[in-house]
Amino acid sequence: MRRAFVSILAVVVTLAAAAAAFADFAASASSAQTISTATFAPPSGPTAVQVSCKNNKPPQISVSWTASGSGFTTGYTIYRSTTSGGGYTQIGTVNASTTTFTDPSTSLDYTTTYYYIVDATFQSWTARSSEAQVTTLSSKCN
């Protein structure tokens, strides 16, 4: 019996010590907290021009734009279409410090209108420019 009493007393002392180890935490909020937001800006003012014309040689088109105003832009993706407003095909990428791109296609057609857009990129985010268009000259450069 004495042994049982000592065991029960040991359990009570242990529980009392454990209860003393708990702490109370009070939740509080600071009114000085702020949330920052940013907008991912697209490149602006894209232009597309035919930069060279040699009789019976494929036309070359240069696309340029004003850099995105977003400081975290990591690059640009350039797209081309023969239809205004859609059906774009990616034709290249450049880093964030570059704002010009020459279309690498050697199969651009004469007297054809091409539409270009430029996306600013950051990780999986994109911000799309407005559309630029150019109509190539004839095979005789006129």
C-alpha atoms as a PDB file:
ATOM      1  CA  MET A   1       0.000   0.000   0.000  1.00  0.00           C
ATOM      2  CA  ARG A   2       2.836   2.334   0.849  1.00  0.00           C
ATOM      3  CA  ARG A   3       4.352   1.602  -2.528  1.00  0.00           C
ATOM      4  CA  ALA A   4       1.052   2.515  -4.313  1.00  0.00           C
ATOM      5  CA  PHE A   5       0.820   5.753  -2.325  1.00  0.00           C
ATOM      6  CA  VAL A   6       4.378   6.705  -3.329  1.00  0.00           C
ATOM      7  CA  SER A   7       3.599   5.936  -6.991  1.00  0.00           C
ATOM      8  CA  ILE A   8       0.408   8.044  -6.906  1.00  0.00           C
ATOM      9  CA  LEU A   9       2.281  10.865  -5.181  1.00  0.00           C
ATOM     10  CA  ALA A  10       4.988  10.729  -7.888  1.00  0.00           C
ATOM     11  CA  VAL A  11       2.330  10.969 -10.633  1.00  0.00           C
ATOM     12  CA  VAL A  12       0.658  13.960  -8.910  1.00  0.00           C
ATOM     13  CA  VAL A  13       4.004  15.764  -8.532  1.00  0.00           C
ATOM     14  CA  THR A  14       4.866  15.036 -12.187  1.00  0.00           C
ATOM     15  CA  LEU A  15       1.493  16.361 -13.405  1.00  0.00           C
ATOM     16  CA  ALA A  16       1.838  19.488 -11.273  1.00  0.00           C
ATOM     17  CA  ALA A  17       5.279  20.152 -12.738  1.00  0.00           C
ATOM     18  CA  ALA A  18       3.963  19.580 -16.266  1.00  0.00           C
ATOM     19  CA  ALA A  19       1.068  21.983 -15.723  1.00  0.00           C
ATOM     20  CA  ALA A  20       3.525  24.628 -14.600  1.00  0.00           C
ATOM     21  CA  ALA A  21       5.425  24.218 -17.894  1.00  0.00           C
ATOM     22  CA  PHE A  22       2.482  25.379 -20.009  1.00  0.00           C
ATOM     23  CA  ALA A  23       2.411  28.995 -21.089  1.00  0.00           C
ATOM     24  CA  ASP A  24      -0.377  31.283 -22.145  1.00  0.00           C
ATOM     25  CA  PHE A  25      -0.021  33.182 -25.398  1.00  0.00           C
ATOM     26  CA  ALA A  26      -2.104  36.203 -26.211  1.00  0.00           C
ATOM     27  CA  ALA A  27      -2.813  37.091 -29.809  1.00  0.00           C
ATOM     28  CA  SER A  28      -2.249  40.677 -30.792  1.00  0.00           C
ATOM     29  CA  ALA A  29      -2.253  42.481 -34.098  1.00  0.00           C
ATOM     30  CA  SER A  30      -0.258  45.525 -34.982  1.00  0.00           C
ATOM     31  CA  SER A  31      -2.048  48.298 -36.821  1.00  0.00           C
ATOM     32  CA  ALA A  32       1.246  49.129 -38.559  1.00  0.00           C
ATOM     33  CA  GLN A  33       1.120  46.112 -40.894  1.00  0.00           C
ATOM     34  CA  THR A  34       1.042  46.917 -44.608  1.00  0.00           C
ATOM     35  CA  ILE A  35       0.528  44.862 -47.720  1.00  0.00           C
ATOM     36  CA  SER A  36       2.500  45.706 -50.813  1.00  0.00           C
ATOM     37  CA  THR A  37       1.175  45.115 -54.302  1.00  0.00           C
ATOM     38  CA  ALA A  38       2.750  45.509 -57.714  1.00  0.00           C
ATOM     39  CA  THR A  39       1.477  45.362 -61.259  1.00  0.00           C
ATOM     40  CA  PHE A  40       3.388  43.489 -63.925  1.00  0.00           C
ATOM     41  CA  ALA A  41       3.575  45.975 -66.785  1.00  0.00           C
ATOM     42  CA  PRO A  42       3.662  44.952 -70.442  1.00  0.00           C
ATOM     43  CA  PRO A  43       6.171  46.364 -72.902  1.00  0.00           C
ATOM     44  CA  SER A  44       4.747  49.340 -74.794  1.00  0.00           C
ATOM     45  CA  GLY A  45       4.844  50.867 -78.249  1.00  0.00           C
ATOM     46  CA  PRO A  46       5.859  47.842 -80.296  1.00  0.00           C
ATOM     47  CA  THR A  47       6.814  48.551 -83.910  1.00  0.00           C
ATOM     48  CA  ALA A  48       7.611  46.224 -86.778  1.00  0.00           C
ATOM     49  CA  VAL A  49       9.494  47.336 -89.887  1.00  0.00           C
ATOM     50  CA  GLN A  50      10.991  45.612 -92.876  1.00  0.00           C
ATOM     51  CA  VAL A  51      14.706  46.264 -92.426  1.00  0.00           C
ATOM     52  CA  SER A  52      16.076  44.944 -95.669  1.00  0.00           C
ATOM     53  CA  CYS A  53      14.866  44.225 -99.116  1.00  0.00           C
ATOM     54  CA  LYS A  54      16.927  42.501-101.756  1.00  0.00           C
ATOM     55  CA  ASN A  55      15.357  41.450-105.018  1.00  0.00           C
ATOM     56  CA  ASN A  56      14.111  37.878-104.780  1.00  0.00           C
ATOM     57  CA  LYS A  57      15.463  37.412-101.230  1.00  0.00           C
ATOM     58  CA  PRO A  58      13.206  36.756 -98.217  1.00  0.00           C
ATOM     59  CA  PRO A  59      12.191  39.931 -96.374  1.00  0.00           C
ATOM     60  CA  GLN A  60      13.618  40.655 -92.924  1.00  0.00           C
ATOM     61  CA  ILE A  61      11.496  42.237 -90.201  1.00  0.00           C
ATOM     62  CA  SER A  62      12.727  43.945 -87.067  1.00  0.00           C
ATOM     63  CA  VAL A  63      10.484  44.302 -84.013  1.00  0.00           C
ATOM     64  CA  SER A  64      11.224  46.861 -81.291  1.00  0.00           C
ATOM     65  CA  TRP A  65       9.428  48.020 -78.142  1.00  0.00           C
ATOM     66  CA  THR A  66       9.783  50.099 -75.000  1.00  0.00           C
ATOM     67  CA  ALA A  67      10.831  48.027 -72.004  1.00  0.00           C
ATOM     68  CA  SER A  68       8.335  46.998 -69.355  1.00  0.00           C
ATOM     69  CA  GLY A  69       8.158  49.350 -66.398  1.00  0.00           C
ATOM     70  CA  SER A  70       8.336  46.367 -64.039  1.00  0.00           C
ATOM     71  CA  GLY A  71      11.730  46.022 -62.417  1.00  0.00           C
ATOM     72  CA  PHE A  72      11.377  42.289 -62.041  1.00  0.00           C
ATOM     73  CA  THR A  73      10.951  41.541 -65.768  1.00  0.00           C
ATOM     74  CA  THR A  74      13.431  38.808 -66.717  1.00  0.00           C
ATOM     75  CA  GLY A  75      12.895  38.710 -70.473  1.00  0.00           C
ATOM     76  CA  TYR A  76      10.632  39.064 -73.475  1.00  0.00           C
ATOM     77  CA  THR A  77       8.939  36.541 -75.737  1.00  0.00           C
ATOM     78  CA  ILE A  78       8.152  37.597 -79.302  1.00  0.00           C
ATOM     79  CA  TYR A  79       5.205  36.211 -81.307  1.00  0.00           C
ATOM     80  CA  ARG A  80       4.116  36.534 -84.961  1.00  0.00           C
ATOM     81  CA  SER A  81       0.827  35.928 -86.768  1.00  0.00           C
ATOM     82  CA  THR A  82      -0.688  36.550 -90.186  1.00  0.00           C
ATOM     83  CA  THR A  83      -4.032  37.234 -88.499  1.00  0.00           C
ATOM     84  CA  SER A  84      -4.691  40.329 -86.420  1.00  0.00           C
ATOM     85  CA  GLY A  85      -5.573  39.531 -82.812  1.00  0.00           C
ATOM     86  CA  GLY A  86      -4.626  35.887 -82.643  1.00  0.00           C
ATOM     87  CA  GLY A  87      -3.064  32.736 -83.945  1.00  0.00           C
ATOM     88  CA  TYR A  88       0.363  33.869 -82.757  1.00  0.00           C
ATOM     89  CA  THR A  89       3.413  31.627 -82.990  1.00  0.00           C
ATOM     90  CA  GLN A  90       6.394  32.150 -80.705  1.00  0.00           C
ATOM     91  CA  ILE A  91       9.417  33.116 -82.783  1.00  0.00           C
ATOM     92  CA  GLY A  92      11.976  34.070 -80.152  1.00  0.00           C
ATOM     93  CA  THR A  93      13.002  35.214 -76.698  1.00  0.00           C
ATOM     94  CA  VAL A  94      15.453  37.848 -75.473  1.00  0.00           C
ATOM     95  CA  ASN A  95      16.705  38.941 -72.058  1.00  0.00           C
ATOM     96  CA  ALA A  96      15.275  41.890 -70.143  1.00  0.00           C
ATOM     97  CA  SER A  97      17.925  44.362 -71.320  1.00  0.00           C
ATOM     98  CA  THR A  98      17.070  43.815 -75.004  1.00  0.00           C
ATOM     99  CA  THR A  99      14.242  45.696 -76.723  1.00  0.00           C
ATOM    100  CA  THR A 100      14.740  44.723 -80.376  1.00  0.00           C
ATOM    101  CA  PHE A 101      14.429  41.452 -82.248  1.00  0.00           C
ATOM    102  CA  THR A 102      14.924  40.495 -85.899  1.00  0.00           C
ATOM    103  CA  ASP A 103      12.509  37.827 -87.086  1.00  0.00           C
ATOM    104  CA  PRO A 104      14.714  34.796 -87.856  1.00  0.00           C
ATOM    105  CA  SER A 105      12.333  33.279 -90.411  1.00  0.00           C
ATOM    106  CA  THR A 106      13.754  32.769 -93.876  1.00  0.00           C
ATOM    107  CA  SER A 107      10.304  31.982 -95.239  1.00  0.00           C
ATOM    108  CA  LEU A 108       8.471  35.281 -94.765  1.00  0.00           C
ATOM    109  CA  ASP A 109       6.294  36.035 -97.800  1.00  0.00           C
ATOM    110  CA  TYR A 110       6.254  39.065-100.047  1.00  0.00           C
ATOM    111  CA  THR A 111       3.326  41.515 -99.881  1.00  0.00           C
ATOM    112  CA  THR A 112       2.039  39.894 -96.702  1.00  0.00           C
ATOM    113  CA  THR A 113       0.937  41.608 -93.499  1.00  0.00           C
ATOM    114  CA  TYR A 114       2.470  40.236 -90.305  1.00  0.00           C
ATOM    115  CA  TYR A 115       1.356  41.015 -86.759  1.00  0.00           C
ATOM    116  CA  TYR A 116       3.732  40.963 -83.811  1.00  0.00           C
ATOM    117  CA  ILE A 117       3.220  41.068 -80.052  1.00  0.00           C
ATOM    118  CA  VAL A 118       5.750  41.006 -77.227  1.00  0.00           C
ATOM    119  CA  ASP A 119       5.243  39.480 -73.775  1.00  0.00           C
ATOM    120  CA  ALA A 120       7.244  40.664 -70.772  1.00  0.00           C
ATOM    121  CA  THR A 121       8.051  37.599 -68.652  1.00  0.00           C
ATOM    122  CA  PHE A 122       8.835  36.865 -65.024  1.00  0.00           C
ATOM    123  CA  GLN A 123       8.726  33.211 -63.941  1.00  0.00           C
ATOM    124  CA  SER A 124       5.257  32.055 -65.053  1.00  0.00           C
ATOM    125  CA  TRP A 125       3.851  35.598 -65.343  1.00  0.00           C
ATOM    126  CA  THR A 126       3.412  37.416 -68.641  1.00  0.00           C
ATOM    127  CA  ALA A 127       2.213  40.858 -69.636  1.00  0.00           C
ATOM    128  CA  ARG A 128       1.307  41.306 -73.313  1.00  0.00           C
ATOM    129  CA  SER A 129       1.996  44.353 -75.474  1.00  0.00           C
ATOM    130  CA  SER A 130      -0.343  45.788 -78.031  1.00  0.00           C
ATOM    131  CA  GLU A 131       0.024  44.553 -81.595  1.00  0.00           C
ATOM    132  CA  ALA A 132       2.389  45.905 -84.243  1.00  0.00           C
ATOM    133  CA  GLN A 133       1.954  45.228 -87.912  1.00  0.00           C
ATOM    134  CA  VAL A 134       4.035  45.450 -91.054  1.00  0.00           C
ATOM    135  CA  THR A 135       3.327  44.618 -94.690  1.00  0.00           C
ATOM    136  CA  THR A 136       6.308  43.298 -96.599  1.00  0.00           C
ATOM    137  CA  LEU A 137       7.283  44.688 -99.980  1.00  0.00           C
ATOM    138  CA  SER A 138       7.055  42.750-103.233  1.00  0.00           C
ATOM    139  CA  SER A 139       9.856  40.510-104.457  1.00  0.00           C
ATOM    140  CA  LYS A 140      11.074  43.506-106.484  1.00  0.00           C
ATOM    141  CA  CYS A 141      11.319  45.659-103.313  1.00  0.00           C
ATOM    142  CA  ASN A 142       8.469  47.963-104.183  1.00  0.00           C
END
